[in-house]
N, C-alpha and C. Protein backbone atom coordinates (compact mmCIF):
# COMPACT_ATOMS: atom_id res chain seq x y z
N GLN A 1 14.02 9.61 -7.27
CA GLN A 1 12.81 8.92 -7.67
C GLN A 1 13.13 7.45 -7.80
N VAL A 2 12.08 6.59 -7.36
CA VAL A 2 12.02 5.09 -7.69
C VAL A 2 11.03 4.80 -8.55
N ASP A 3 11.13 3.76 -9.24
CA ASP A 3 10.08 3.00 -9.99
C ASP A 3 9.34 1.99 -9.07
N LEU A 4 7.97 2.04 -9.21
CA LEU A 4 7.22 1.07 -8.47
C LEU A 4 6.30 0.16 -9.27
N MET A 5 6.29 -1.03 -9.08
CA MET A 5 5.31 -2.03 -9.84
C MET A 5 4.64 -2.92 -8.81
N GLU A 6 3.38 -2.71 -8.73
CA GLU A 6 2.43 -3.61 -7.95
C GLU A 6 1.86 -4.62 -8.63
N SER A 7 1.62 -5.75 -8.13
CA SER A 7 1.05 -6.99 -8.46
C SER A 7 0.29 -7.81 -7.26
N GLY A 8 -0.33 -8.83 -7.64
CA GLY A 8 -0.77 -9.74 -6.81
C GLY A 8 -2.45 -9.48 -6.40
N GLY A 9 -2.94 -8.61 -7.14
CA GLY A 9 -4.44 -8.23 -6.81
C GLY A 9 -5.13 -9.40 -7.64
N GLY A 10 -6.41 -9.51 -7.19
CA GLY A 10 -7.27 -10.60 -7.93
C GLY A 10 -8.58 -10.39 -7.49
N SER A 11 -9.53 -11.49 -7.65
CA SER A 11 -10.88 -11.66 -7.05
C SER A 11 -10.92 -12.78 -6.19
N VAL A 12 -11.48 -12.32 -5.02
CA VAL A 12 -11.63 -13.32 -3.89
C VAL A 12 -12.92 -13.22 -3.43
N GLN A 13 -13.41 -14.18 -2.69
CA GLN A 13 -14.65 -14.06 -1.69
C GLN A 13 -14.40 -13.40 -0.38
N ALA A 14 -15.44 -12.93 0.14
CA ALA A 14 -15.38 -12.36 1.44
C ALA A 14 -14.80 -13.38 2.52
N GLY A 15 -13.76 -12.97 3.21
CA GLY A 15 -13.06 -13.72 4.13
C GLY A 15 -11.91 -14.32 3.71
N GLY A 16 -11.63 -14.11 2.22
CA GLY A 16 -10.45 -14.50 1.65
C GLY A 16 -9.08 -13.84 1.93
N SER A 17 -8.03 -14.16 1.31
CA SER A 17 -6.70 -13.44 1.60
C SER A 17 -6.05 -13.10 0.24
N LEU A 18 -5.16 -12.10 0.09
CA LEU A 18 -4.30 -11.75 -0.94
C LEU A 18 -3.09 -11.21 -0.48
N ARG A 19 -1.95 -11.33 -1.18
CA ARG A 19 -0.87 -10.81 -0.71
C ARG A 19 -0.25 -9.98 -1.96
N LEU A 20 -0.22 -8.67 -1.82
CA LEU A 20 0.09 -7.74 -2.62
C LEU A 20 1.74 -7.58 -2.56
N SER A 21 2.21 -7.31 -3.80
CA SER A 21 3.62 -6.98 -3.90
C SER A 21 3.95 -5.61 -4.62
N CYS A 22 5.01 -5.04 -4.29
CA CYS A 22 5.29 -3.89 -4.90
C CYS A 22 6.93 -3.96 -5.02
N GLU A 23 7.49 -4.02 -6.26
CA GLU A 23 8.87 -3.90 -6.55
C GLU A 23 9.33 -2.49 -6.77
N ILE A 24 10.40 -2.39 -6.01
CA ILE A 24 11.05 -1.07 -5.89
C ILE A 24 12.15 -0.98 -6.69
N SER A 25 12.38 -0.14 -7.84
CA SER A 25 13.42 -0.12 -8.61
C SER A 25 14.19 1.46 -8.25
N GLY A 26 15.35 1.36 -8.16
CA GLY A 26 16.12 2.53 -8.09
C GLY A 26 16.57 2.83 -6.51
N TYR A 27 17.05 3.92 -6.36
CA TYR A 27 17.71 4.39 -5.05
C TYR A 27 16.66 4.69 -3.86
N LEU A 28 16.72 3.85 -2.90
CA LEU A 28 15.77 4.06 -1.78
C LEU A 28 16.52 4.68 -0.63
N LYS A 29 16.00 5.89 -0.16
CA LYS A 29 16.78 6.54 0.88
C LYS A 29 17.00 5.74 2.11
N ASP A 30 18.14 5.86 2.86
CA ASP A 30 18.29 5.12 4.04
C ASP A 30 17.21 5.29 5.19
N ARG A 31 16.71 6.61 5.12
CA ARG A 31 15.64 6.93 6.06
C ARG A 31 14.41 7.03 5.24
N TYR A 32 13.99 5.99 4.95
CA TYR A 32 12.70 6.02 4.10
C TYR A 32 11.27 5.74 4.84
N CYS A 33 10.36 6.17 4.16
CA CYS A 33 8.85 5.74 4.59
C CYS A 33 8.36 5.43 3.23
N LEU A 34 7.50 4.16 3.27
CA LEU A 34 6.86 3.50 2.24
C LEU A 34 5.17 3.14 2.66
N GLY A 35 4.53 3.05 1.74
CA GLY A 35 3.11 2.94 1.95
C GLY A 35 2.23 2.27 1.10
N TRP A 36 0.97 1.84 1.39
CA TRP A 36 0.05 1.45 0.54
C TRP A 36 -1.14 2.26 0.56
N PHE A 37 -1.66 2.63 -0.55
CA PHE A 37 -2.82 3.52 -0.65
C PHE A 37 -3.97 2.63 -1.42
N ARG A 38 -5.17 3.06 -1.27
CA ARG A 38 -6.13 2.49 -2.17
C ARG A 38 -7.20 3.54 -2.66
N GLN A 39 -7.51 3.29 -3.88
CA GLN A 39 -8.24 4.24 -4.58
C GLN A 39 -9.72 3.48 -4.97
N PRO A 40 -10.87 4.16 -4.35
CA PRO A 40 -12.28 3.39 -4.62
C PRO A 40 -12.63 3.66 -5.91
N PRO A 41 -13.57 2.79 -6.21
CA PRO A 41 -14.05 3.01 -7.66
C PRO A 41 -14.79 4.35 -8.10
N GLY A 42 -14.60 4.87 -9.04
CA GLY A 42 -15.22 6.09 -9.57
C GLY A 42 -14.48 7.39 -8.98
N LYS A 43 -13.62 7.18 -8.08
CA LYS A 43 -12.71 8.35 -7.70
C LYS A 43 -11.39 8.44 -8.30
N GLY A 44 -10.93 9.55 -8.49
CA GLY A 44 -9.66 9.62 -8.95
C GLY A 44 -8.49 9.75 -8.07
N ARG A 45 -7.42 10.08 -8.60
CA ARG A 45 -6.08 10.05 -7.86
C ARG A 45 -6.56 10.82 -6.33
N ASP A 46 -7.11 11.87 -6.44
CA ASP A 46 -7.39 12.59 -5.14
C ASP A 46 -8.12 11.69 -4.13
N GLY A 47 -8.73 10.77 -4.41
CA GLY A 47 -9.44 9.81 -3.65
C GLY A 47 -8.74 8.85 -3.09
N ARG A 48 -7.48 8.71 -3.33
CA ARG A 48 -6.54 7.54 -2.62
C ARG A 48 -6.31 7.85 -1.31
N GLN A 49 -6.45 6.86 -0.53
CA GLN A 49 -6.33 6.94 0.99
C GLN A 49 -5.27 5.90 1.25
N ALA A 50 -4.46 6.45 2.33
CA ALA A 50 -3.30 5.50 3.00
C ALA A 50 -4.07 4.44 3.67
N VAL A 51 -3.43 3.50 3.66
CA VAL A 51 -4.07 2.18 4.57
C VAL A 51 -2.85 1.48 5.38
N ALA A 52 -1.68 1.70 4.95
CA ALA A 52 -0.64 1.11 5.74
C ALA A 52 0.83 1.73 5.30
N ALA A 53 1.68 1.83 6.40
CA ALA A 53 2.87 2.50 6.07
C ALA A 53 4.08 1.74 6.89
N ILE A 54 5.18 1.84 6.51
CA ILE A 54 6.32 1.32 7.16
C ILE A 54 7.45 2.17 6.83
N ASP A 55 8.18 2.39 8.13
CA ASP A 55 9.56 3.18 7.97
C ASP A 55 10.71 2.38 8.07
N ASN A 56 11.96 2.91 7.75
CA ASN A 56 13.16 2.26 8.06
C ASN A 56 13.48 1.52 9.36
N ASP A 57 12.82 2.04 10.34
CA ASP A 57 12.91 1.31 11.64
C ASP A 57 12.02 0.31 11.79
N GLY A 58 11.32 0.06 10.70
CA GLY A 58 10.34 -1.27 10.73
C GLY A 58 9.06 -0.84 11.71
N ILE A 59 8.86 0.46 11.82
CA ILE A 59 7.50 0.95 12.52
C ILE A 59 6.33 0.84 11.53
N LYS A 60 5.36 0.22 11.89
CA LYS A 60 4.23 0.03 10.91
C LYS A 60 3.19 0.80 11.54
N THR A 61 2.31 1.44 10.79
CA THR A 61 1.01 2.11 11.02
C THR A 61 -0.13 1.77 10.06
N TYR A 62 -1.35 1.72 10.59
CA TYR A 62 -2.46 1.12 9.71
C TYR A 62 -3.76 2.12 10.06
N ALA A 63 -4.49 2.05 8.90
CA ALA A 63 -5.83 2.75 8.87
C ALA A 63 -6.71 1.78 9.99
N ASP A 64 -7.52 2.42 10.53
CA ASP A 64 -8.40 1.92 11.43
C ASP A 64 -9.24 0.70 10.74
N SER A 65 -9.60 0.89 9.44
CA SER A 65 -10.38 0.04 8.72
C SER A 65 -9.81 -1.38 8.42
N VAL A 66 -8.52 -1.32 8.35
CA VAL A 66 -7.60 -2.47 7.94
C VAL A 66 -6.85 -3.08 9.19
N ARG A 67 -6.70 -2.28 10.26
CA ARG A 67 -5.91 -2.83 11.32
C ARG A 67 -6.36 -4.26 11.86
N GLY A 68 -5.46 -5.15 12.04
CA GLY A 68 -5.81 -6.42 12.38
C GLY A 68 -6.03 -7.35 11.27
N ARG A 69 -6.20 -6.96 10.16
CA ARG A 69 -6.52 -7.76 8.95
C ARG A 69 -5.34 -7.64 7.88
N PHE A 70 -4.78 -6.49 7.75
CA PHE A 70 -3.56 -6.21 6.77
C PHE A 70 -2.20 -6.11 7.70
N THR A 71 -1.39 -6.70 6.95
CA THR A 71 0.10 -6.49 7.53
C THR A 71 1.08 -6.07 6.39
N ILE A 72 1.72 -5.05 6.76
CA ILE A 72 2.58 -4.45 5.73
C ILE A 72 4.06 -5.11 6.12
N SER A 73 4.80 -5.17 5.04
CA SER A 73 6.18 -5.79 5.29
C SER A 73 7.18 -5.46 4.18
N ILE A 74 8.48 -5.50 4.50
CA ILE A 74 9.28 -5.30 3.35
C ILE A 74 10.64 -6.34 3.36
N ASP A 75 10.95 -6.76 2.22
CA ASP A 75 12.11 -7.54 2.19
C ASP A 75 13.30 -6.50 1.64
N ASN A 76 14.05 -6.13 2.43
CA ASN A 76 15.06 -5.19 2.06
C ASN A 76 16.12 -5.77 0.92
N ALA A 77 16.32 -6.95 1.25
CA ALA A 77 17.31 -7.62 0.44
C ALA A 77 16.90 -7.60 -1.10
N LYS A 78 15.37 -7.67 -1.29
CA LYS A 78 15.06 -7.97 -2.66
C LYS A 78 14.47 -6.50 -3.11
N ASN A 79 14.26 -5.60 -2.07
CA ASN A 79 13.51 -4.41 -2.51
C ASN A 79 12.12 -4.60 -2.91
N ILE A 80 11.43 -5.34 -2.11
CA ILE A 80 9.94 -5.79 -2.33
C ILE A 80 9.14 -5.49 -1.17
N MET A 81 8.22 -4.54 -1.19
CA MET A 81 7.25 -4.34 -0.09
C MET A 81 5.83 -5.19 -0.39
N TYR A 82 5.38 -5.56 0.54
CA TYR A 82 4.06 -6.54 0.68
C TYR A 82 3.00 -5.97 1.35
N LEU A 83 1.83 -6.36 1.23
CA LEU A 83 0.76 -6.05 1.77
C LEU A 83 -0.01 -7.36 1.83
N GLU A 84 0.06 -8.01 3.10
CA GLU A 84 -0.75 -9.22 3.29
C GLU A 84 -2.22 -8.82 3.66
N MET A 85 -3.16 -9.19 3.10
CA MET A 85 -4.61 -8.86 3.37
C MET A 85 -5.53 -10.17 3.67
N ASN A 86 -5.91 -10.11 4.91
CA ASN A 86 -6.66 -11.35 5.28
C ASN A 86 -8.14 -10.86 5.79
N ASN A 87 -9.06 -11.79 5.77
CA ASN A 87 -10.49 -11.47 6.13
C ASN A 87 -10.96 -10.27 5.27
N LEU A 88 -10.73 -10.50 4.16
CA LEU A 88 -11.07 -9.50 3.17
C LEU A 88 -12.71 -9.18 3.15
N LYS A 89 -13.08 -8.04 2.92
CA LYS A 89 -14.37 -7.56 3.20
C LYS A 89 -14.82 -6.93 1.62
N PRO A 90 -16.04 -7.00 1.23
CA PRO A 90 -16.39 -6.41 -0.07
C PRO A 90 -15.99 -4.82 -0.02
N GLU A 91 -15.84 -4.23 1.05
CA GLU A 91 -15.55 -2.62 0.85
C GLU A 91 -14.09 -2.64 0.77
N ASP A 92 -13.41 -3.58 0.83
CA ASP A 92 -11.86 -3.46 0.43
C ASP A 92 -11.60 -3.59 -1.12
N SER A 93 -12.68 -3.77 -1.92
CA SER A 93 -12.68 -3.67 -3.24
C SER A 93 -12.17 -2.35 -3.82
N ASP A 94 -10.84 -2.14 -4.25
CA ASP A 94 -10.35 -1.00 -4.56
C ASP A 94 -9.00 -1.31 -5.54
N VAL A 95 -8.58 -0.23 -6.18
CA VAL A 95 -7.21 -0.42 -6.69
C VAL A 95 -6.21 0.03 -5.62
N TYR A 96 -5.35 -0.84 -5.60
CA TYR A 96 -4.17 -0.57 -4.66
C TYR A 96 -2.81 0.07 -5.28
N TYR A 97 -2.11 0.86 -4.56
CA TYR A 97 -1.24 1.45 -5.05
C TYR A 97 -0.03 1.63 -4.00
N CYS A 98 1.03 1.21 -4.28
CA CYS A 98 2.21 1.44 -3.37
C CYS A 98 2.93 2.80 -3.55
N ALA A 99 3.45 3.29 -2.43
CA ALA A 99 3.98 4.63 -2.62
C ALA A 99 5.23 4.69 -1.78
N ALA A 100 6.32 5.55 -2.48
CA ALA A 100 7.69 5.57 -1.90
C ALA A 100 8.00 7.03 -1.65
N ASN A 101 9.25 7.30 -0.91
CA ASN A 101 9.73 8.55 -0.43
C ASN A 101 8.55 9.44 0.09
N LEU A 102 7.80 8.80 0.92
CA LEU A 102 6.78 9.60 1.61
C LEU A 102 7.56 10.41 2.84
N LEU A 103 6.89 11.71 2.99
CA LEU A 103 7.35 12.49 4.05
C LEU A 103 7.32 11.85 5.38
N HIS A 104 8.33 12.32 6.22
CA HIS A 104 8.18 11.88 7.62
C HIS A 104 7.46 13.04 8.33
N PRO A 105 6.87 12.81 9.36
CA PRO A 105 6.76 11.39 10.35
C PRO A 105 5.86 10.62 9.43
N CYS A 106 6.34 9.22 9.43
CA CYS A 106 5.63 8.21 8.61
C CYS A 106 4.41 7.73 9.31
N LYS A 107 3.44 8.46 9.21
CA LYS A 107 2.26 8.01 10.07
C LYS A 107 0.70 8.18 9.20
N ILE A 108 0.02 7.19 9.20
CA ILE A 108 -1.06 7.01 8.45
C ILE A 108 -1.98 8.48 8.72
N THR A 109 -2.07 8.81 9.91
CA THR A 109 -3.04 9.87 10.26
C THR A 109 -2.62 11.08 9.55
N THR A 110 -1.42 11.30 8.96
CA THR A 110 -1.15 12.54 8.11
C THR A 110 -0.66 12.36 6.91
N MET A 111 -0.88 11.19 6.32
CA MET A 111 -0.38 10.64 4.98
C MET A 111 -1.50 10.96 3.94
N THR A 112 -1.13 11.71 2.84
CA THR A 112 -1.95 11.98 1.68
C THR A 112 -1.23 11.73 0.46
N ILE A 113 -1.75 11.77 -0.70
CA ILE A 113 -0.97 11.66 -2.01
C ILE A 113 -0.07 12.86 -2.10
N THR A 114 -0.30 13.89 -1.42
CA THR A 114 0.87 14.98 -1.53
C THR A 114 2.11 14.88 -0.65
N SER A 115 1.77 13.55 0.19
CA SER A 115 3.04 13.31 1.13
C SER A 115 4.33 12.84 0.22
N THR A 116 3.96 12.52 -1.08
CA THR A 116 5.17 12.15 -1.89
C THR A 116 5.23 12.72 -3.22
N ASN A 117 6.43 13.10 -3.82
CA ASN A 117 6.63 13.42 -5.16
C ASN A 117 7.05 12.43 -6.07
N ASN A 118 7.32 11.17 -5.53
CA ASN A 118 7.53 10.03 -6.33
C ASN A 118 6.65 9.66 -7.41
N ASN A 119 6.98 9.05 -8.34
CA ASN A 119 6.18 8.61 -9.40
C ASN A 119 5.13 7.36 -8.72
N TRP A 120 3.96 7.12 -9.16
CA TRP A 120 3.12 6.23 -8.69
C TRP A 120 3.12 4.94 -9.93
N GLY A 121 3.01 3.86 -9.38
CA GLY A 121 2.86 2.73 -10.13
C GLY A 121 1.38 2.64 -10.88
N GLN A 122 1.23 1.53 -11.59
CA GLN A 122 -0.01 1.30 -12.33
C GLN A 122 -1.06 0.89 -11.34
N GLY A 123 -0.93 0.42 -10.17
CA GLY A 123 -1.84 -0.15 -9.27
C GLY A 123 -2.30 -1.69 -9.50
N THR A 124 -2.95 -2.26 -8.70
CA THR A 124 -3.42 -3.50 -8.77
C THR A 124 -4.75 -3.62 -8.25
N GLN A 125 -5.73 -4.32 -8.91
CA GLN A 125 -7.16 -4.29 -8.49
C GLN A 125 -7.39 -5.39 -7.77
N VAL A 126 -8.18 -5.07 -6.73
CA VAL A 126 -8.64 -6.10 -5.63
C VAL A 126 -10.16 -6.00 -5.68
N THR A 127 -10.67 -7.23 -5.74
CA THR A 127 -12.25 -7.25 -5.97
C THR A 127 -12.57 -8.41 -5.00
N VAL A 128 -13.61 -8.06 -3.95
CA VAL A 128 -13.97 -8.90 -2.78
C VAL A 128 -15.47 -9.23 -3.25
N ALA A 129 -15.96 -10.37 -3.50
CA ALA A 129 -17.34 -10.70 -3.50
C ALA A 129 -17.79 -11.13 -2.32
N SER A 130 -19.05 -10.60 -2.12
CA SER A 130 -19.92 -10.91 -0.83
C SER A 130 -20.40 -12.32 -0.88
């Protein structure tokens, strides 16, 4: 288990940018899969959807809805994962959560909240005004 703490959310106008951070505390497996999920308003935990993932080889995958606008990265020295979000749209307004120790293969298409038994962080709210 690792502890996760998200930050960097906020309110922006459509077309704006935000960078989310996820501080990872604890032992991260050498062969890791990390990701970002988002939870729409009014939906519970089961409504979280994966939007970006990265593995220990640096391979990144994205949901179709964010590809070309969001970039996932990790600073291994600091154990911080980032989600750079550009050209934000009102439909990106959600609570964003980072996830660790996700099951392999590390691919968005097969990733759900059951892909990890690790604890979740508190999330960070992103609000995009039109």
